[in-house]
Amino acid sequence: PLHRQALQSPGHEHTAITNVFTGRPARGIVNRLMRETGPMRDDVPAFPLAAPVLGELRTRAERAGSSDFSPLWAGQNTSACRETSAKDLTNWLIPS
């Protein structure tokens, strides 16, 4: 639900490559963690050690309804996102 909410928020079009969540670069919606630490850092633990470091902070924030410390993976064109069911997406990808 928090990821869907972020994709529908006014700030969803701001994405950046970041390594702060996993230790490897990936594109995500800019959130508090990325703004305050910078999206790319040399001092982030190597994959897969970065994610557990944020685990408790992320869990507490998500329980409070905040995605400030969650990875919100998204491509560059978030404005084209739309909500759809898995069935409809599958039918669109593999027409009968």
PDB file of N, CA and C in Angstrom:
ATOM      1  N   PRO A   1       0.802  -1.225   0.000  1.00  0.00           N
ATOM      2  CA  PRO A   1       0.000   0.000   0.000  1.00  0.00           C
ATOM      3  C   PRO A   1       0.845   1.290   0.000  1.00  0.00           C
ATOM      4  N   LEU A   2       1.962   1.280   0.727  1.00  0.00           N
ATOM      5  CA  LEU A   2       2.802   2.489   0.762  1.00  0.00           C
ATOM      6  C   LEU A   2       3.447   2.764  -0.586  1.00  0.00           C
ATOM      7  N   HIS A   3       3.828   1.710  -1.292  1.00  0.00           N
ATOM      8  CA  HIS A   3       4.425   1.890  -2.615  1.00  0.00           C
ATOM      9  C   HIS A   3       3.379   2.432  -3.596  1.00  0.00           C
ATOM     10  N   ARG A   4       2.186   1.883  -3.539  1.00  0.00           N
ATOM     11  CA  ARG A   4       1.106   2.388  -4.403  1.00  0.00           C
ATOM     12  C   ARG A   4       0.812   3.851  -4.096  1.00  0.00           C
ATOM     13  N   GLN A   5       0.773   4.172  -2.811  1.00  0.00           N
ATOM     14  CA  GLN A   5       0.527   5.549  -2.385  1.00  0.00           C
ATOM     15  C   GLN A   5       1.621   6.474  -2.926  1.00  0.00           C
ATOM     16  N   ALA A   6       2.864   6.040  -2.855  1.00  0.00           N
ATOM     17  CA  ALA A   6       3.969   6.860  -3.357  1.00  0.00           C
ATOM     18  C   ALA A   6       3.855   7.076  -4.867  1.00  0.00           C
ATOM     19  N   LEU A   7       3.451   6.040  -5.591  1.00  0.00           N
ATOM     20  CA  LEU A   7       3.300   6.166  -7.046  1.00  0.00           C
ATOM     21  C   LEU A   7       2.171   7.122  -7.429  1.00  0.00           C
ATOM     22  N   GLN A   8       1.213   7.322  -6.535  1.00  0.00           N
ATOM     23  CA  GLN A   8       0.098   8.224  -6.811  1.00  0.00           C
ATOM     24  C   GLN A   8       0.315   9.614  -6.225  1.00  0.00           C
ATOM     25  N   SER A   9       1.413   9.810  -5.511  1.00  0.00           N
ATOM     26  CA  SER A   9       1.669  11.100  -4.867  1.00  0.00           C
ATOM     27  C   SER A   9       2.233  12.110  -5.865  1.00  0.00           C
ATOM     28  N   PRO A  10       2.131  13.396  -5.555  1.00  0.00           N
ATOM     29  CA  PRO A  10       2.667  14.422  -6.457  1.00  0.00           C
ATOM     30  C   PRO A  10       4.173  14.300  -6.673  1.00  0.00           C
ATOM     31  N   GLY A  11       4.924  13.766  -5.716  1.00  0.00           N
ATOM     32  CA  GLY A  11       6.368  13.671  -5.850  1.00  0.00           C
ATOM     33  C   GLY A  11       6.870  12.432  -6.561  1.00  0.00           C
ATOM     34  N   HIS A  12       5.949  11.601  -7.072  1.00  0.00           N
ATOM     35  CA  HIS A  12       6.366  10.332  -7.662  1.00  0.00           C
ATOM     36  C   HIS A  12       7.237  10.478  -8.897  1.00  0.00           C
ATOM     37  N   GLU A  13       7.178  11.631  -9.555  1.00  0.00           N
ATOM     38  CA  GLU A  13       7.958  11.771 -10.779  1.00  0.00           C
ATOM     39  C   GLU A  13       9.433  12.035 -10.506  1.00  0.00           C
ATOM     40  N   HIS A  14       9.795  12.230  -9.239  1.00  0.00           N
ATOM     41  CA  HIS A  14      11.198  12.454  -8.879  1.00  0.00           C
ATOM     42  C   HIS A  14      11.828  11.116  -8.495  1.00  0.00           C
ATOM     43  N   THR A  15      12.611  10.566  -9.415  1.00  0.00           N
ATOM     44  CA  THR A  15      13.297   9.312  -9.158  1.00  0.00           C
ATOM     45  C   THR A  15      14.799   9.546  -9.269  1.00  0.00           C
ATOM     46  N   ALA A  16      15.561   8.636  -8.696  1.00  0.00           N
ATOM     47  CA  ALA A  16      17.018   8.733  -8.762  1.00  0.00           C
ATOM     48  C   ALA A  16      17.617   7.342  -8.599  1.00  0.00           C
ATOM     49  N   ILE A  17      18.820   7.189  -9.103  1.00  0.00           N
ATOM     50  CA  ILE A  17      19.570   5.967  -8.861  1.00  0.00           C
ATOM     51  C   ILE A  17      20.123   6.062  -7.445  1.00  0.00           C
ATOM     52  N   THR A  18      19.939   4.996  -6.666  1.00  0.00           N
ATOM     53  CA  THR A  18      20.389   4.985  -5.278  1.00  0.00           C
ATOM     54  C   THR A  18      21.008   3.640  -4.918  1.00  0.00           C
ATOM     55  N   ASN A  19      21.923   3.689  -3.964  1.00  0.00           N
ATOM     56  CA  ASN A  19      22.486   2.448  -3.430  1.00  0.00           C
ATOM     57  C   ASN A  19      22.258   2.338  -1.920  1.00  0.00           C
ATOM     58  N   VAL A  20      21.563   3.305  -1.328  1.00  0.00           N
ATOM     59  CA  VAL A  20      21.444   3.348   0.130  1.00  0.00           C
ATOM     60  C   VAL A  20      20.561   2.240   0.720  1.00  0.00           C
ATOM     61  N   PHE A  21      19.716   1.642  -0.071  1.00  0.00           N
ATOM     62  CA  PHE A  21      18.815   0.609   0.453  1.00  0.00           C
ATOM     63  C   PHE A  21      19.410  -0.794   0.394  1.00  0.00           C
ATOM     64  N   THR A  22      20.180  -1.081  -0.643  1.00  0.00           N
ATOM     65  CA  THR A  22      20.662  -2.453  -0.836  1.00  0.00           C
ATOM     66  C   THR A  22      22.172  -2.574  -0.969  1.00  0.00           C
ATOM     67  N   GLY A  23      22.851  -1.483  -1.227  1.00  0.00           N
ATOM     68  CA  GLY A  23      24.279  -1.548  -1.511  1.00  0.00           C
ATOM     69  C   GLY A  23      24.569  -1.645  -2.990  1.00  0.00           C
ATOM     70  N   ARG A  24      23.538  -1.806  -3.793  1.00  0.00           N
ATOM     71  CA  ARG A  24      23.671  -1.835  -5.258  1.00  0.00           C
ATOM     72  C   ARG A  24      22.784  -0.753  -5.850  1.00  0.00           C
ATOM     73  N   PRO A  25      23.179  -0.186  -6.974  1.00  0.00           N
ATOM     74  CA  PRO A  25      22.362   0.879  -7.567  1.00  0.00           C
ATOM     75  C   PRO A  25      21.067   0.359  -8.183  1.00  0.00           C
ATOM     76  N   ALA A  26      20.010   1.115  -7.950  1.00  0.00           N
ATOM     77  CA  ALA A  26      18.697   0.848  -8.528  1.00  0.00           C
ATOM     78  C   ALA A  26      17.921   2.160  -8.512  1.00  0.00           C
ATOM     79  N   ARG A  27      16.952   2.285  -9.403  1.00  0.00           N
ATOM     80  CA  ARG A  27      16.165   3.521  -9.480  1.00  0.00           C
ATOM     81  C   ARG A  27      14.931   3.428  -8.596  1.00  0.00           C
ATOM     82  N   GLY A  28      14.725   4.482  -7.818  1.00  0.00           N
ATOM     83  CA  GLY A  28      13.564   4.535  -6.945  1.00  0.00           C
ATOM     84  C   GLY A  28      13.020   5.937  -6.815  1.00  0.00           C
ATOM     85  N   ILE A  29      11.797   6.039  -6.308  1.00  0.00           N
ATOM     86  CA  ILE A  29      11.183   7.329  -6.019  1.00  0.00           C
ATOM     87  C   ILE A  29      11.958   7.963  -4.866  1.00  0.00           C
ATOM     88  N   VAL A  30      12.311   9.221  -5.025  1.00  0.00           N
ATOM     89  CA  VAL A  30      13.076   9.919  -3.996  1.00  0.00           C
ATOM     90  C   VAL A  30      12.218  10.066  -2.735  1.00  0.00           C
ATOM     91  N   ASN A  31      12.776   9.627  -1.616  1.00  0.00           N
ATOM     92  CA  ASN A  31      12.086   9.762  -0.337  1.00  0.00           C
ATOM     93  C   ASN A  31      13.030  10.398   0.684  1.00  0.00           C
ATOM     94  N   ARG A  32      12.613  10.450   1.912  1.00  0.00           N
ATOM     95  CA  ARG A  32      13.386  11.138   2.952  1.00  0.00           C
ATOM     96  C   ARG A  32      14.818  10.616   3.077  1.00  0.00           C
ATOM     97  N   LEU A  33      14.980   9.295   3.121  1.00  0.00           N
ATOM     98  CA  LEU A  33      16.327   8.739   3.265  1.00  0.00           C
ATOM     99  C   LEU A  33      17.234   9.183   2.123  1.00  0.00           C
ATOM    100  N   MET A  34      16.744   9.129   0.910  1.00  0.00           N
ATOM    101  CA  MET A  34      17.549   9.524  -0.246  1.00  0.00           C
ATOM    102  C   MET A  34      17.863  11.023  -0.217  1.00  0.00           C
ATOM    103  N   ARG A  35      16.893  11.829   0.202  1.00  0.00           N
ATOM    104  CA  ARG A  35      17.134  13.284   0.277  1.00  0.00           C
ATOM    105  C   ARG A  35      18.153  13.624   1.354  1.00  0.00           C
ATOM    106  N   GLU A  36      18.028  13.003   2.519  1.00  0.00           N
ATOM    107  CA  GLU A  36      18.876  13.388   3.650  1.00  0.00           C
ATOM    108  C   GLU A  36      20.278  12.794   3.605  1.00  0.00           C
ATOM    109  N   THR A  37      20.449  11.632   2.985  1.00  0.00           N
ATOM    110  CA  THR A  37      21.781  11.025   2.927  1.00  0.00           C
ATOM    111  C   THR A  37      22.445  11.197   1.574  1.00  0.00           C
ATOM    112  N   GLY A  38      21.654  11.580   0.584  1.00  0.00           N
ATOM    113  CA  GLY A  38      22.137  11.575  -0.800  1.00  0.00           C
ATOM    114  C   GLY A  38      21.843  10.204  -1.380  1.00  0.00           C
ATOM    115  N   PRO A  39      21.476  10.143  -2.648  1.00  0.00           N
ATOM    116  CA  PRO A  39      21.063   8.866  -3.216  1.00  0.00           C
ATOM    117  C   PRO A  39      22.204   7.858  -3.395  1.00  0.00           C
ATOM    118  N   MET A  40      23.414   8.333  -3.671  1.00  0.00           N
ATOM    119  CA  MET A  40      24.562   7.435  -3.852  1.00  0.00           C
ATOM    120  C   MET A  40      25.619   7.764  -2.806  1.00  0.00           C
ATOM    121  N   ARG A  41      26.090   6.710  -2.136  1.00  0.00           N
ATOM    122  CA  ARG A  41      27.092   6.903  -1.076  1.00  0.00           C
ATOM    123  C   ARG A  41      28.179   5.842  -1.199  1.00  0.00           C
ATOM    124  N   ASP A  42      29.394   6.246  -0.921  1.00  0.00           N
ATOM    125  CA  ASP A  42      30.520   5.314  -0.932  1.00  0.00           C
ATOM    126  C   ASP A  42      30.595   4.484   0.342  1.00  0.00           C
ATOM    127  N   ASP A  43      29.978   4.963   1.425  1.00  0.00           N
ATOM    128  CA  ASP A  43      30.104   4.286   2.710  1.00  0.00           C
ATOM    129  C   ASP A  43      28.954   3.332   3.030  1.00  0.00           C
ATOM    130  N   VAL A  44      28.135   3.010   2.052  1.00  0.00           N
ATOM    131  CA  VAL A  44      27.040   2.054   2.253  1.00  0.00           C
ATOM    132  C   VAL A  44      27.620   0.640   2.276  1.00  0.00           C
ATOM    133  N   PRO A  45      27.161  -0.198   3.203  1.00  0.00           N
ATOM    134  CA  PRO A  45      27.651  -1.586   3.221  1.00  0.00           C
ATOM    135  C   PRO A  45      27.369  -2.281   1.887  1.00  0.00           C
ATOM    136  N   ALA A  46      28.244  -3.204   1.526  1.00  0.00           N
ATOM    137  CA  ALA A  46      28.077  -3.937   0.269  1.00  0.00           C
ATOM    138  C   ALA A  46      26.818  -4.803   0.321  1.00  0.00           C
ATOM    139  N   PHE A  47      26.258  -5.088  -0.859  1.00  0.00           N
ATOM    140  CA  PHE A  47      25.118  -5.984  -0.986  1.00  0.00           C
ATOM    141  C   PHE A  47      25.514  -7.349  -0.440  1.00  0.00           C
ATOM    142  N   PRO A  48      24.699  -7.995   0.326  1.00  0.00           N
ATOM    143  CA  PRO A  48      23.350  -7.693   0.784  1.00  0.00           C
ATOM    144  C   PRO A  48      23.307  -7.113   2.200  1.00  0.00           C
ATOM    145  N   LEU A  49      24.383  -6.544   2.658  1.00  0.00           N
ATOM    146  CA  LEU A  49      24.475  -6.101   4.049  1.00  0.00           C
ATOM    147  C   LEU A  49      23.789  -4.773   4.336  1.00  0.00           C
ATOM    148  N   ALA A  50      23.479  -3.980   3.338  1.00  0.00           N
ATOM    149  CA  ALA A  50      22.876  -2.663   3.566  1.00  0.00           C
ATOM    150  C   ALA A  50      21.438  -2.759   4.057  1.00  0.00           C
ATOM    151  N   ALA A  51      20.648  -3.645   3.488  1.00  0.00           N
ATOM    152  CA  ALA A  51      19.226  -3.732   3.839  1.00  0.00           C
ATOM    153  C   ALA A  51      18.989  -4.025   5.318  1.00  0.00           C
ATOM    154  N   PRO A  52      19.692  -4.988   5.927  1.00  0.00           N
ATOM    155  CA  PRO A  52      19.452  -5.247   7.351  1.00  0.00           C
ATOM    156  C   PRO A  52      19.791  -4.056   8.258  1.00  0.00           C
ATOM    157  N   VAL A  53      20.720  -3.222   7.836  1.00  0.00           N
ATOM    158  CA  VAL A  53      21.087  -2.049   8.634  1.00  0.00           C
ATOM    159  C   VAL A  53      19.880  -1.122   8.793  1.00  0.00           C
ATOM    160  N   LEU A  54      19.066  -1.019   7.751  1.00  0.00           N
ATOM    161  CA  LEU A  54      17.888  -0.154   7.772  1.00  0.00           C
ATOM    162  C   LEU A  54      16.635  -0.859   8.258  1.00  0.00           C
ATOM    163  N   GLY A  55      16.721  -2.144   8.505  1.00  0.00           N
ATOM    164  CA  GLY A  55      15.546  -2.958   8.791  1.00  0.00           C
ATOM    165  C   GLY A  55      14.619  -2.423   9.874  1.00  0.00           C
ATOM    166  N   GLU A  56      15.136  -2.142  11.043  1.00  0.00           N
ATOM    167  CA  GLU A  56      14.293  -1.685  12.157  1.00  0.00           C
ATOM    168  C   GLU A  56      13.685  -0.319  11.866  1.00  0.00           C
ATOM    169  N   LEU A  57      14.477   0.582  11.316  1.00  0.00           N
ATOM    170  CA  LEU A  57      13.980   1.919  10.976  1.00  0.00           C
ATOM    171  C   LEU A  57      12.867   1.831   9.937  1.00  0.00           C
ATOM    172  N   ARG A  58      13.091   1.024   8.910  1.00  0.00           N
ATOM    173  CA  ARG A  58      12.077   0.837   7.874  1.00  0.00           C
ATOM    174  C   ARG A  58      10.803   0.242   8.450  1.00  0.00           C
ATOM    175  N   THR A  59      10.934  -0.798   9.271  1.00  0.00           N
ATOM    176  CA  THR A  59       9.768  -1.461   9.863  1.00  0.00           C
ATOM    177  C   THR A  59       8.945  -0.489  10.698  1.00  0.00           C
ATOM    178  N   ARG A  60       9.606   0.268  11.544  1.00  0.00           N
ATOM    179  CA  ARG A  60       8.887   1.225  12.395  1.00  0.00           C
ATOM    180  C   ARG A  60       8.191   2.301  11.564  1.00  0.00           C
ATOM    181  N   ALA A  61       8.867   2.810  10.544  1.00  0.00           N
ATOM    182  CA  ALA A  61       8.271   3.840   9.693  1.00  0.00           C
ATOM    183  C   ALA A  61       7.054   3.281   8.949  1.00  0.00           C
ATOM    184  N   GLU A  62       7.195   2.084   8.386  1.00  0.00           N
ATOM    185  CA  GLU A  62       6.075   1.486   7.645  1.00  0.00           C
ATOM    186  C   GLU A  62       4.883   1.216   8.560  1.00  0.00           C
ATOM    187  N   ARG A  63       5.136   0.778   9.774  1.00  0.00           N
ATOM    188  CA  ARG A  63       4.032   0.560  10.725  1.00  0.00           C
ATOM    189  C   ARG A  63       3.302   1.859  11.030  1.00  0.00           C
ATOM    190  N   ALA A  64       4.038   2.969  10.958  1.00  0.00           N
ATOM    191  CA  ALA A  64       3.435   4.288  11.202  1.00  0.00           C
ATOM    192  C   ALA A  64       2.843   4.879   9.922  1.00  0.00           C
ATOM    193  N   GLY A  65       2.874   4.112   8.816  1.00  0.00           N
ATOM    194  CA  GLY A  65       2.290   4.577   7.558  1.00  0.00           C
ATOM    195  C   GLY A  65       3.210   5.452   6.738  1.00  0.00           C
ATOM    196  N   SER A  66       4.514   5.358   6.973  1.00  0.00           N
ATOM    197  CA  SER A  66       5.476   6.198   6.264  1.00  0.00           C
ATOM    198  C   SER A  66       6.404   5.363   5.391  1.00  0.00           C
ATOM    199  N   SER A  67       6.670   5.838   4.190  1.00  0.00           N
ATOM    200  CA  SER A  67       7.622   5.170   3.289  1.00  0.00           C
ATOM    201  C   SER A  67       8.945   5.930   3.234  1.00  0.00           C
ATOM    202  N   ASP A  68       9.214   6.739   4.254  1.00  0.00           N
ATOM    203  CA  ASP A  68      10.434   7.554   4.292  1.00  0.00           C
ATOM    204  C   ASP A  68      11.721   6.742   4.244  1.00  0.00           C
ATOM    205  N   PHE A  69      11.692   5.486   4.694  1.00  0.00           N
ATOM    206  CA  PHE A  69      12.900   4.670   4.760  1.00  0.00           C
ATOM    207  C   PHE A  69      12.738   3.349   4.005  1.00  0.00           C
ATOM    208  N   SER A  70      11.796   3.320   3.072  1.00  0.00           N
ATOM    209  CA  SER A  70      11.520   2.118   2.285  1.00  0.00           C
ATOM    210  C   SER A  70      11.996   2.311   0.850  1.00  0.00           C
ATOM    211  N   PRO A  71      12.518   1.258   0.237  1.00  0.00           N
ATOM    212  CA  PRO A  71      12.860   1.369  -1.180  1.00  0.00           C
ATOM    213  C   PRO A  71      11.573   1.410  -2.003  1.00  0.00           C
ATOM    214  N   LEU A  72      11.437   2.419  -2.816  1.00  0.00           N
ATOM    215  CA  LEU A  72      10.245   2.582  -3.657  1.00  0.00           C
ATOM    216  C   LEU A  72      10.679   2.459  -5.117  1.00  0.00           C
ATOM    217  N   TRP A  73      10.994   1.240  -5.516  1.00  0.00           N
ATOM    218  CA  TRP A  73      11.557   1.016  -6.844  1.00  0.00           C
ATOM    219  C   TRP A  73      10.592   1.462  -7.927  1.00  0.00           C
ATOM    220  N   ALA A  74      11.132   2.171  -8.893  1.00  0.00           N
ATOM    221  CA  ALA A  74      10.322   2.675 -10.003  1.00  0.00           C
ATOM    222  C   ALA A  74      11.247   3.056 -11.150  1.00  0.00           C
ATOM    223  N   GLY A  75      10.722   3.015 -12.342  1.00  0.00           N
ATOM    224  CA  GLY A  75      11.484   3.441 -13.504  1.00  0.00           C
ATOM    225  C   GLY A  75      11.448   4.954 -13.660  1.00  0.00           C
ATOM    226  N   GLN A  76      11.927   5.422 -14.790  1.00  0.00           N
ATOM    227  CA  GLN A  76      11.970   6.860 -15.041  1.00  0.00           C
ATOM    228  C   GLN A  76      10.602   7.440 -15.356  1.00  0.00           C
ATOM    229  N   ASN A  77       9.721   6.667 -15.945  1.00  0.00           N
ATOM    230  CA  ASN A  77       8.435   7.183 -16.401  1.00  0.00           C
ATOM    231  C   ASN A  77       7.318   6.794 -15.428  1.00  0.00           C
ATOM    232  N   THR A  78       7.376   7.312 -14.226  1.00  0.00           N
ATOM    233  CA  THR A  78       6.357   6.968 -13.238  1.00  0.00           C
ATOM    234  C   THR A  78       5.009   7.590 -13.542  1.00  0.00           C
ATOM    235  N   SER A  79       4.979   8.624 -14.365  1.00  0.00           N
ATOM    236  CA  SER A  79       3.697   9.252 -14.697  1.00  0.00           C
ATOM    237  C   SER A  79       2.827   8.340 -15.554  1.00  0.00           C
ATOM    238  N   ALA A  80       3.413   7.330 -16.183  1.00  0.00           N
ATOM    239  CA  ALA A  80       2.643   6.396 -17.007  1.00  0.00           C
ATOM    240  C   ALA A  80       2.099   5.228 -16.192  1.00  0.00           C
ATOM    241  N   CYS A  81       2.424   5.168 -14.912  1.00  0.00           N
ATOM    242  CA  CYS A  81       1.940   4.069 -14.064  1.00  0.00           C
ATOM    243  C   CYS A  81       0.431   4.159 -13.886  1.00  0.00           C
ATOM    244  N   ARG A  82      -0.181   3.011 -13.866  1.00  0.00           N
ATOM    245  CA  ARG A  82      -1.599   2.951 -13.567  1.00  0.00           C
ATOM    246  C   ARG A  82      -1.873   1.659 -12.829  1.00  0.00           C
ATOM    247  N   GLU A  83      -2.862   1.697 -11.976  1.00  0.00           N
ATOM    248  CA  GLU A  83      -3.208   0.515 -11.197  1.00  0.00           C
ATOM    249  C   GLU A  83      -4.009  -0.441 -12.062  1.00  0.00           C
ATOM    250  N   THR A  84      -3.652  -1.713 -11.992  1.00  0.00           N
ATOM    251  CA  THR A  84      -4.341  -2.736 -12.757  1.00  0.00           C
ATOM    252  C   THR A  84      -4.218  -4.065 -12.023  1.00  0.00           C
ATOM    253  N   SER A  85      -5.070  -4.985 -12.346  1.00  0.00           N
ATOM    254  CA  SER A  85      -5.005  -6.304 -11.713  1.00  0.00           C
ATOM    255  C   SER A  85      -3.933  -7.151 -12.402  1.00  0.00           C
ATOM    256  N   ALA A  86      -3.470  -8.170 -11.698  1.00  0.00           N
ATOM    257  CA  ALA A  86      -2.487  -9.086 -12.279  1.00  0.00           C
ATOM    258  C   ALA A  86      -3.082  -9.790 -13.500  1.00  0.00           C
ATOM    259  N   LYS A  87      -4.356 -10.116 -13.417  1.00  0.00           N
ATOM    260  CA  LYS A  87      -5.034 -10.778 -14.535  1.00  0.00           C
ATOM    261  C   LYS A  87      -5.037  -9.885 -15.770  1.00  0.00           C
ATOM    262  N   ASP A  88      -5.429  -8.623 -15.604  1.00  0.00           N
ATOM    263  CA  ASP A  88      -5.478  -7.712 -16.743  1.00  0.00           C
ATOM    264  C   ASP A  88      -4.081  -7.451 -17.309  1.00  0.00           C
ATOM    265  N   LEU A  89      -3.084  -7.340 -16.453  1.00  0.00           N
ATOM    266  CA  LEU A  89      -1.719  -7.140 -16.912  1.00  0.00           C
ATOM    267  C   LEU A  89      -1.239  -8.345 -17.701  1.00  0.00           C
ATOM    268  N   THR A  90      -1.517  -9.543 -17.194  1.00  0.00           N
ATOM    269  CA  THR A  90      -1.119 -10.758 -17.901  1.00  0.00           C
ATOM    270  C   THR A  90      -1.789 -10.845 -19.249  1.00  0.00           C
ATOM    271  N   ASN A  91      -3.074 -10.532 -19.316  1.00  0.00           N
ATOM    272  CA  ASN A  91      -3.807 -10.548 -20.583  1.00  0.00           C
ATOM    273  C   ASN A  91      -3.273  -9.515 -21.569  1.00  0.00           C
ATOM    274  N   TRP A  92      -2.811  -8.382 -21.037  1.00  0.00           N
ATOM    275  CA  TRP A  92      -2.253  -7.349 -21.903  1.00  0.00           C
ATOM    276  C   TRP A  92      -0.888  -7.794 -22.440  1.00  0.00           C
ATOM    277  N   LEU A  93      -0.081  -8.432 -21.583  1.00  0.00           N
ATOM    278  CA  LEU A  93       1.242  -8.886 -21.993  1.00  0.00           C
ATOM    279  C   LEU A  93       1.182 -10.071 -22.939  1.00  0.00           C
ATOM    280  N   ILE A  94       0.214 -10.964 -22.685  1.00  0.00           N
ATOM    281  CA  ILE A  94       0.077 -12.190 -23.500  1.00  0.00           C
ATOM    282  C   ILE A  94      -1.360 -12.269 -23.999  1.00  0.00           C
ATOM    283  N   PRO A  95      -1.642 -11.560 -25.086  1.00  0.00           N
ATOM    284  CA  PRO A  95      -3.030 -11.561 -25.590  1.00  0.00           C
ATOM    285  C   PRO A  95      -3.447 -12.964 -26.057  1.00  0.00           C
ATOM    286  N   SER A  96      -4.715 -13.254 -25.888  1.00  0.00           N
ATOM    287  CA  SER A  96      -5.204 -14.581 -26.291  1.00  0.00           C
ATOM    288  C   SER A  96      -5.534 -14.642 -27.744  1.00  0.00           C
TER     289      SER A  96
END
